[in-house]
Amino acid sequence: MCLAVPGRVLEIEERDATRMAKVDFGGVVKDVCLEYVPDMQVGDYAIVHVGFALQRLDEESARQTLELFENLGVLEEEFGDHWGKAAKDAGTERPVGTELPAESAEKEARS
């Protein structure tokens, strides 16, 4: 399934004459092209489909959508947490070094 997923712009750079951003999708960070919405700024939320930001979105709508997608398991399906799924299916812990960024931050905070 291909979805347009809301994400928050973390940083913006010019790469090969193309405006690109690091975008956080609820803990998963991906590179996204900003050419369709050139006025996007760090901290803005965008609807992203196949690596392209399509339009700006307000923060509350983005958070609600991400929460809904997470509850439905769509984020895992869309972004492919294959290590986590394999570990869960095997009834074991995720292998060390394969944590998602959000999980790594949580572990560091607990230490």
Protein backbone atom coordinates (compact mmCIF):
# COMPACT_ATOMS: atom_id res chain seq x y z
CA MET A 1 0.00 0.00 0.00
CA CYS A 2 1.29 3.48 -0.84
CA LEU A 3 0.14 6.29 1.41
CA ALA A 4 0.72 9.98 1.72
CA VAL A 5 2.11 10.28 5.25
CA PRO A 6 2.52 13.45 7.33
CA GLY A 7 5.99 14.26 8.56
CA ARG A 8 7.87 17.10 10.27
CA VAL A 9 10.76 18.81 8.49
CA LEU A 10 13.91 18.52 10.63
CA GLU A 11 16.48 20.10 8.33
CA ILE A 12 16.68 21.45 4.80
CA GLU A 13 19.57 21.46 2.34
CA GLU A 14 20.29 22.04 -1.31
CA ARG A 15 21.46 18.81 -2.96
CA ASP A 16 22.37 18.74 -6.66
CA ALA A 17 20.31 21.91 -7.21
CA THR A 18 17.30 20.25 -5.54
CA ARG A 19 15.77 21.37 -2.24
CA MET A 20 15.79 18.33 0.05
CA ALA A 21 14.79 17.77 3.68
CA LYS A 22 15.21 15.25 6.47
CA VAL A 23 11.63 14.52 7.54
CA ASP A 24 10.52 12.73 10.72
CA PHE A 25 7.56 10.38 10.36
CA GLY A 26 6.88 9.55 14.00
CA GLY A 27 10.43 8.36 14.67
CA VAL A 28 11.40 7.24 11.17
CA VAL A 29 13.53 9.85 9.36
CA LYS A 30 13.65 9.90 5.55
CA ASP A 31 15.01 12.18 2.83
CA VAL A 32 12.22 14.07 1.05
CA CYS A 33 12.21 16.33 -2.01
CA LEU A 34 10.68 19.78 -1.36
CA GLU A 35 10.51 20.98 -4.97
CA TYR A 36 6.66 20.91 -5.04
CA VAL A 37 6.42 23.05 -1.87
CA PRO A 38 9.43 25.39 -2.05
CA ASP A 39 8.27 27.54 0.87
CA MET A 40 8.52 24.70 3.45
CA GLN A 41 10.60 25.60 6.51
CA VAL A 42 12.21 23.59 9.32
CA GLY A 43 9.47 22.66 11.81
CA ASP A 44 6.69 22.62 9.20
CA TYR A 45 4.62 19.51 8.59
CA ALA A 46 4.02 18.15 5.09
CA ILE A 47 2.07 15.38 3.43
CA VAL A 48 4.69 13.17 1.74
CA HIS A 49 4.11 10.59 -0.97
CA VAL A 50 6.89 8.47 -2.52
CA GLY A 51 9.59 10.84 -1.30
CA PHE A 52 7.96 14.12 -2.38
CA ALA A 53 6.36 16.69 -0.08
CA LEU A 54 3.01 17.53 -1.69
CA GLN A 55 1.52 20.14 0.63
CA ARG A 56 1.88 21.78 4.05
CA LEU A 57 -0.20 20.43 6.93
CA ASP A 58 -0.94 21.90 10.35
CA GLU A 59 0.73 20.22 13.33
CA GLU A 60 -2.47 18.96 15.00
CA SER A 61 -3.72 17.26 11.82
CA ALA A 62 -0.30 15.71 11.30
CA ARG A 63 -0.17 14.34 14.86
CA GLN A 64 -3.70 12.94 14.67
CA THR A 65 -2.98 11.25 11.36
CA LEU A 66 0.33 9.78 12.55
CA GLU A 67 -1.37 8.45 15.71
CA LEU A 68 -4.15 6.88 13.66
CA PHE A 69 -1.68 5.32 11.21
CA GLU A 70 0.40 3.96 14.10
CA ASN A 71 -2.65 2.45 15.82
CA LEU A 72 -3.64 0.78 12.55
CA GLY A 73 -0.11 -0.56 12.02
CA VAL A 74 0.18 1.41 8.79
CA LEU A 75 3.47 3.13 9.67
CA GLU A 76 5.18 -0.19 10.28
CA GLU A 77 3.77 -1.50 7.01
CA GLU A 78 4.70 1.63 5.07
CA PHE A 79 8.21 2.08 6.48
CA GLY A 80 8.99 -1.60 6.88
CA ASP A 81 10.20 -2.29 10.40
CA HIS A 82 11.29 -5.73 9.25
CA TRP A 83 13.67 -6.36 12.16
CA GLY A 84 10.97 -5.55 14.70
CA LYS A 85 8.37 -7.72 12.94
CA ALA A 86 10.76 -10.67 12.64
CA ALA A 87 11.70 -10.41 16.32
CA LYS A 88 8.05 -10.17 17.36
CA ASP A 89 7.08 -13.14 15.18
CA ALA A 90 9.93 -15.17 16.68
CA GLY A 91 8.93 -14.19 20.22
CA THR A 92 12.31 -12.63 20.94
CA GLU A 93 14.01 -9.25 21.38
CA ARG A 94 15.02 -7.11 18.42
CA PRO A 95 18.73 -7.69 17.55
CA VAL A 96 21.11 -5.13 19.09
CA GLY A 97 21.84 -2.25 16.71
CA THR A 98 18.56 -2.55 14.76
CA GLU A 99 16.46 -0.22 16.92
CA LEU A 100 14.37 2.49 15.29
CA PRO A 101 15.59 6.04 16.09
CA ALA A 102 12.77 6.60 18.61
CA GLU A 103 13.58 3.33 20.40
CA SER A 104 17.28 4.24 20.64
CA ALA A 105 16.39 7.61 22.18
CA GLU A 106 14.08 5.93 24.72
CA LYS A 107 16.82 3.46 25.75
CA GLU A 108 19.33 6.31 26.18
CA ALA A 109 16.86 8.28 28.29
CA ARG A 110 16.35 5.29 30.61
CA SER A 111 20.12 4.79 31.06
